[in-house]
Protein backbone atom coordinates (compact mmCIF):
# COMPACT_ATOMS: atom_id res chain seq x y z
CA MET A 1 -10.80 12.63 -9.15
CA PHE A 2 -10.71 8.77 -9.82
CA ASN A 3 -7.84 7.56 -7.83
CA ILE A 4 -6.14 5.01 -10.52
CA TYR A 5 -5.03 2.47 -7.50
CA LYS A 6 -8.56 2.26 -5.86
CA LEU A 7 -8.81 -1.59 -6.98
CA PHE A 8 -5.01 -2.16 -5.62
CA ILE A 9 -5.49 -0.44 -2.69
CA ALA A 10 -8.38 -2.66 -1.58
CA GLU A 11 -6.50 -5.71 -2.15
CA VAL A 12 -3.71 -4.49 -0.09
CA LYS A 13 -6.08 -3.84 2.78
CA LYS A 14 -7.34 -6.91 2.19
CA GLN A 15 -3.76 -8.43 2.45
CA LEU A 16 -2.91 -6.44 5.44
CA SER A 17 -6.01 -8.19 7.08
CA ILE A 18 -4.87 -11.55 6.22
CA ARG A 19 -1.23 -11.00 7.64
CA GLY A 20 -2.83 -9.01 10.49
CA TRP A 21 -0.28 -6.15 9.66
CA LYS A 22 -0.74 -2.79 10.12
CA TYR A 23 0.56 0.35 8.47
CA ALA A 24 3.59 0.36 10.50
CA ASP A 25 4.56 -3.20 9.42
CA LEU A 26 3.94 -2.47 5.84
CA SER A 27 6.27 0.68 6.45
CA LYS A 28 9.14 -1.45 7.42
CA ALA A 29 8.70 -4.05 4.70
CA THR A 30 9.08 -1.10 1.99
CA GLY A 31 11.10 1.79 3.67
CA TYR A 32 8.45 4.40 3.54
CA THR A 33 6.96 6.02 6.25
CA VAL A 34 3.92 5.55 8.03
CA GLY A 35 2.50 8.75 7.07
CA THR A 36 3.40 8.15 3.39
CA ILE A 37 1.73 4.75 3.30
CA GLU A 38 -1.35 6.31 5.18
CA ALA A 39 -1.26 8.97 2.31
CA PHE A 40 -1.17 6.66 -0.39
CA MET A 41 -3.59 4.02 0.99
CA CYS A 42 -6.28 7.22 1.60
CA GLY A 43 -5.64 8.13 -2.11
CA ALA A 44 -4.19 11.59 -0.90
CA ARG A 45 -0.50 10.40 -2.83
CA GLU A 46 -0.37 8.47 -6.18
CA SER A 47 2.84 7.15 -7.26
CA GLU A 48 3.75 3.99 -9.53
CA ARG A 49 7.20 3.56 -7.61
CA MET A 50 5.26 3.16 -4.25
CA ALA A 51 2.64 0.76 -5.58
CA ASP A 52 5.40 -1.56 -7.28
CA CYS A 53 7.14 -1.78 -3.88
CA ILE A 54 4.06 -2.49 -1.91
CA ALA A 55 3.40 -5.10 -4.35
CA LYS A 56 6.68 -6.75 -3.97
CA ALA A 57 6.56 -6.37 0.02
CA LEU A 58 3.17 -8.21 -0.16
CA GLY A 59 4.00 -10.86 -3.04
CA ILE A 60 1.05 -9.57 -5.04
CA GLU A 61 0.38 -8.60 -8.56
CA ARG A 62 -0.04 -4.97 -9.57
């Protein structure tokens, strides 16, 4: 199965690296649990709402 968020996830990883953030920091910024963030980032969970929230927290386009 192709993850529709593959390019977005790559950009999120890049942005986390630039900021020196861990998933815990993204969790605090979005209100999602670290486990939910991990599931999204590895492609196990797909969610428009979550992608929008992550983009907003990082100030990036989706």
